[in-house]
N, C-alpha and C. Protein backbone atom coordinates (compact mmCIF):
# COMPACT_ATOMS: atom_id res chain seq x y z
N UNK A 1 -30.46 -11.95 -31.69
CA UNK A 1 -30.66 -13.35 -31.94
C UNK A 1 -31.87 -13.82 -31.15
N UNK A 2 -32.78 -14.43 -31.81
CA UNK A 2 -33.99 -14.89 -31.12
C UNK A 2 -33.78 -16.30 -30.60
N UNK A 3 -34.34 -16.55 -29.43
CA UNK A 3 -34.24 -17.87 -28.82
C UNK A 3 -35.59 -18.55 -28.91
N UNK A 4 -35.55 -19.84 -29.21
CA UNK A 4 -36.78 -20.61 -29.25
C UNK A 4 -36.69 -21.70 -28.21
N UNK A 5 -37.82 -22.07 -27.68
CA UNK A 5 -37.87 -23.11 -26.66
C UNK A 5 -38.89 -24.16 -27.06
N UNK A 6 -38.61 -25.38 -26.68
CA UNK A 6 -39.54 -26.47 -26.91
C UNK A 6 -40.58 -26.40 -25.81
N UNK A 7 -41.83 -26.26 -26.20
CA UNK A 7 -42.89 -26.15 -25.21
C UNK A 7 -43.59 -27.49 -25.13
N UNK A 8 -43.55 -28.06 -23.94
CA UNK A 8 -44.21 -29.33 -23.71
C UNK A 8 -45.49 -29.09 -22.94
N UNK A 9 -46.51 -29.83 -23.28
CA UNK A 9 -47.76 -29.68 -22.57
C UNK A 9 -47.61 -30.21 -21.15
N UNK A 10 -48.57 -29.89 -20.31
CA UNK A 10 -48.48 -30.30 -18.91
C UNK A 10 -48.60 -31.82 -18.75
N UNK A 11 -49.25 -32.48 -19.68
CA UNK A 11 -49.38 -33.93 -19.61
C UNK A 11 -48.05 -34.58 -19.96
N UNK A 12 -47.76 -35.70 -19.36
CA UNK A 12 -46.50 -36.41 -19.62
C UNK A 12 -46.49 -36.91 -21.06
N UNK A 13 -45.42 -36.64 -21.74
CA UNK A 13 -45.29 -37.08 -23.12
C UNK A 13 -44.36 -38.28 -23.18
N UNK A 14 -44.54 -39.10 -24.18
CA UNK A 14 -43.72 -40.29 -24.31
C UNK A 14 -42.35 -39.94 -24.87
N UNK A 15 -41.43 -40.86 -24.73
CA UNK A 15 -40.07 -40.65 -25.23
C UNK A 15 -40.09 -40.45 -26.74
N UNK A 16 -40.93 -41.20 -27.43
CA UNK A 16 -41.00 -41.10 -28.88
C UNK A 16 -41.49 -39.73 -29.32
N UNK A 17 -42.48 -39.19 -28.62
CA UNK A 17 -42.99 -37.87 -28.96
C UNK A 17 -41.93 -36.79 -28.78
N UNK A 18 -41.20 -36.88 -27.68
CA UNK A 18 -40.15 -35.91 -27.41
C UNK A 18 -39.05 -36.04 -28.46
N UNK A 19 -38.66 -37.26 -28.76
CA UNK A 19 -37.62 -37.50 -29.76
C UNK A 19 -38.03 -36.97 -31.13
N UNK A 20 -39.28 -37.21 -31.49
CA UNK A 20 -39.78 -36.77 -32.79
C UNK A 20 -39.78 -35.24 -32.88
N UNK A 21 -40.18 -34.57 -31.81
CA UNK A 21 -40.19 -33.12 -31.78
C UNK A 21 -38.78 -32.56 -31.92
N UNK A 22 -37.84 -33.13 -31.19
CA UNK A 22 -36.45 -32.68 -31.28
C UNK A 22 -35.90 -32.91 -32.68
N UNK A 23 -36.20 -34.05 -33.25
CA UNK A 23 -35.71 -34.39 -34.58
C UNK A 23 -36.24 -33.42 -35.63
N UNK A 24 -37.51 -33.06 -35.54
CA UNK A 24 -38.10 -32.10 -36.48
C UNK A 24 -37.44 -30.74 -36.35
N UNK A 25 -37.22 -30.28 -35.12
CA UNK A 25 -36.63 -28.96 -34.89
C UNK A 25 -35.18 -28.92 -35.37
N UNK A 26 -34.43 -30.00 -35.14
CA UNK A 26 -33.04 -30.05 -35.61
C UNK A 26 -32.98 -30.08 -37.13
N UNK A 27 -33.86 -30.82 -37.75
CA UNK A 27 -33.87 -30.92 -39.20
C UNK A 27 -34.15 -29.57 -39.84
N UNK A 28 -35.10 -28.83 -39.28
CA UNK A 28 -35.44 -27.52 -39.83
C UNK A 28 -34.30 -26.53 -39.62
N UNK A 29 -33.74 -26.53 -38.42
CA UNK A 29 -32.71 -25.53 -38.12
C UNK A 29 -31.38 -25.81 -38.81
N UNK A 30 -31.10 -27.07 -39.11
CA UNK A 30 -29.83 -27.43 -39.75
C UNK A 30 -30.00 -27.85 -41.21
N UNK A 31 -31.03 -27.37 -41.85
CA UNK A 31 -31.33 -27.78 -43.22
C UNK A 31 -30.21 -27.45 -44.20
N UNK A 32 -29.46 -26.39 -43.94
CA UNK A 32 -28.37 -26.00 -44.85
C UNK A 32 -27.27 -27.05 -44.90
N UNK A 33 -27.06 -27.77 -43.82
CA UNK A 33 -26.00 -28.76 -43.77
C UNK A 33 -26.36 -30.08 -44.42
N UNK A 34 -27.61 -30.25 -44.76
CA UNK A 34 -28.07 -31.50 -45.40
C UNK A 34 -27.33 -31.76 -46.70
N UNK A 35 -27.17 -30.73 -47.52
CA UNK A 35 -26.51 -30.90 -48.81
C UNK A 35 -25.00 -31.07 -48.65
N UNK A 36 -24.42 -30.48 -47.62
CA UNK A 36 -22.98 -30.57 -47.40
C UNK A 36 -22.59 -31.97 -46.93
N UNK A 37 -23.30 -32.48 -45.94
CA UNK A 37 -22.97 -33.77 -45.33
C UNK A 37 -23.50 -34.93 -46.17
N UNK A 38 -24.65 -34.76 -46.77
CA UNK A 38 -25.30 -35.84 -47.51
C UNK A 38 -26.58 -36.24 -46.80
N UNK A 39 -27.56 -36.67 -47.57
CA UNK A 39 -28.89 -36.98 -47.04
C UNK A 39 -28.86 -38.06 -45.96
N UNK A 40 -28.27 -39.19 -46.31
CA UNK A 40 -28.33 -40.35 -45.42
C UNK A 40 -27.55 -40.10 -44.12
N UNK A 41 -26.36 -39.56 -44.24
CA UNK A 41 -25.53 -39.29 -43.06
C UNK A 41 -26.17 -38.23 -42.17
N UNK A 42 -26.76 -37.20 -42.80
CA UNK A 42 -27.43 -36.14 -42.04
C UNK A 42 -28.61 -36.70 -41.25
N UNK A 43 -29.46 -37.47 -41.91
CA UNK A 43 -30.62 -38.04 -41.23
C UNK A 43 -30.20 -38.95 -40.07
N UNK A 44 -29.16 -39.75 -40.29
CA UNK A 44 -28.67 -40.66 -39.25
C UNK A 44 -28.15 -39.88 -38.05
N UNK A 45 -27.38 -38.84 -38.29
CA UNK A 45 -26.81 -38.05 -37.19
C UNK A 45 -27.88 -37.28 -36.43
N UNK A 46 -28.87 -36.75 -37.15
CA UNK A 46 -29.95 -36.03 -36.48
C UNK A 46 -30.77 -36.99 -35.62
N UNK A 47 -31.00 -38.19 -36.12
CA UNK A 47 -31.76 -39.19 -35.36
C UNK A 47 -31.02 -39.57 -34.07
N UNK A 48 -29.72 -39.81 -34.17
CA UNK A 48 -28.94 -40.18 -32.99
C UNK A 48 -28.87 -39.03 -31.98
N UNK A 49 -28.71 -37.82 -32.48
CA UNK A 49 -28.66 -36.66 -31.59
C UNK A 49 -29.98 -36.45 -30.88
N UNK A 50 -31.09 -36.61 -31.61
CA UNK A 50 -32.41 -36.46 -31.01
C UNK A 50 -32.63 -37.52 -29.93
N UNK A 51 -32.14 -38.70 -30.14
CA UNK A 51 -32.27 -39.76 -29.14
C UNK A 51 -31.51 -39.39 -27.87
N UNK A 52 -30.29 -38.87 -28.01
CA UNK A 52 -29.49 -38.50 -26.84
C UNK A 52 -30.11 -37.33 -26.08
N UNK A 53 -30.55 -36.32 -26.82
CA UNK A 53 -31.20 -35.18 -26.17
C UNK A 53 -32.50 -35.61 -25.49
N UNK A 54 -33.25 -36.47 -26.15
CA UNK A 54 -34.52 -36.94 -25.61
C UNK A 54 -34.36 -37.67 -24.30
N UNK A 55 -33.31 -38.49 -24.18
CA UNK A 55 -33.05 -39.21 -22.94
C UNK A 55 -32.80 -38.25 -21.80
N UNK A 56 -32.01 -37.20 -22.07
CA UNK A 56 -31.72 -36.22 -21.03
C UNK A 56 -32.97 -35.44 -20.62
N UNK A 57 -33.80 -35.12 -21.58
CA UNK A 57 -35.02 -34.37 -21.28
C UNK A 57 -35.99 -35.21 -20.47
N UNK A 58 -36.11 -36.48 -20.81
CA UNK A 58 -37.02 -37.37 -20.08
C UNK A 58 -36.54 -37.52 -18.64
N UNK A 59 -35.23 -37.61 -18.44
CA UNK A 59 -34.70 -37.71 -17.07
C UNK A 59 -34.94 -36.44 -16.28
N UNK A 60 -34.91 -35.30 -16.95
CA UNK A 60 -35.08 -34.02 -16.28
C UNK A 60 -36.54 -33.75 -15.89
N UNK A 61 -37.48 -34.36 -16.60
CA UNK A 61 -38.89 -34.17 -16.29
C UNK A 61 -39.23 -34.89 -14.99
N UNK A 62 -40.15 -34.34 -14.21
CA UNK A 62 -40.54 -35.03 -12.97
C UNK A 62 -41.24 -36.34 -13.29
N UNK A 63 -41.03 -37.33 -12.43
CA UNK A 63 -41.63 -38.66 -12.65
C UNK A 63 -43.15 -38.61 -12.57
N UNK A 64 -43.65 -37.88 -11.58
CA UNK A 64 -45.09 -37.76 -11.40
C UNK A 64 -45.47 -36.29 -11.43
N UNK A 65 -46.64 -36.04 -11.95
CA UNK A 65 -47.14 -34.67 -11.95
C UNK A 65 -47.51 -34.27 -10.53
N UNK A 66 -47.18 -33.07 -10.17
CA UNK A 66 -47.55 -32.59 -8.84
C UNK A 66 -49.04 -32.35 -8.81
N UNK A 67 -49.66 -32.79 -7.74
CA UNK A 67 -51.10 -32.60 -7.60
C UNK A 67 -51.37 -31.15 -7.23
N UNK A 68 -52.35 -30.60 -7.87
CA UNK A 68 -52.74 -29.22 -7.58
C UNK A 68 -53.77 -29.27 -6.46
N UNK A 69 -53.44 -28.64 -5.36
CA UNK A 69 -54.38 -28.64 -4.24
C UNK A 69 -55.46 -27.63 -4.49
N UNK A 70 -56.66 -28.05 -4.29
CA UNK A 70 -57.77 -27.14 -4.46
C UNK A 70 -57.89 -26.28 -3.22
N UNK A 71 -58.07 -25.03 -3.46
CA UNK A 71 -58.24 -24.14 -2.31
C UNK A 71 -59.72 -24.04 -2.01
N UNK A 72 -60.05 -24.38 -0.79
CA UNK A 72 -61.45 -24.33 -0.40
C UNK A 72 -61.63 -23.17 0.57
N UNK A 73 -62.62 -22.42 0.30
CA UNK A 73 -62.92 -21.30 1.17
C UNK A 73 -64.20 -21.62 1.92
N UNK A 74 -64.10 -21.53 3.21
CA UNK A 74 -65.28 -21.79 4.04
C UNK A 74 -66.10 -20.53 4.11
N UNK A 75 -67.36 -20.71 3.90
CA UNK A 75 -68.26 -19.55 3.98
C UNK A 75 -68.60 -19.31 5.45
N UNK A 76 -68.40 -18.11 5.88
CA UNK A 76 -68.73 -17.77 7.28
C UNK A 76 -70.20 -17.37 7.36
N UNK A 77 -70.85 -17.79 8.42
CA UNK A 77 -72.28 -17.49 8.55
C UNK A 77 -72.54 -16.28 9.40
């Protein structure tokens, strides 16, 4: 079984971007259930689930990006 991971860029992404990404991935992976549950109910449930997952992901991300310290090498004479 292959595992896939959501790859986020190093720049902070907005809640909407994260939600949209989750919603797209859920829709693709659960496409078979669309016909069983119905279009409208499926879309509504995927949207609500993406919102809940997105909130947890945003909380888990660090508030501020860690600053990368530049390493300076002194030239010896």
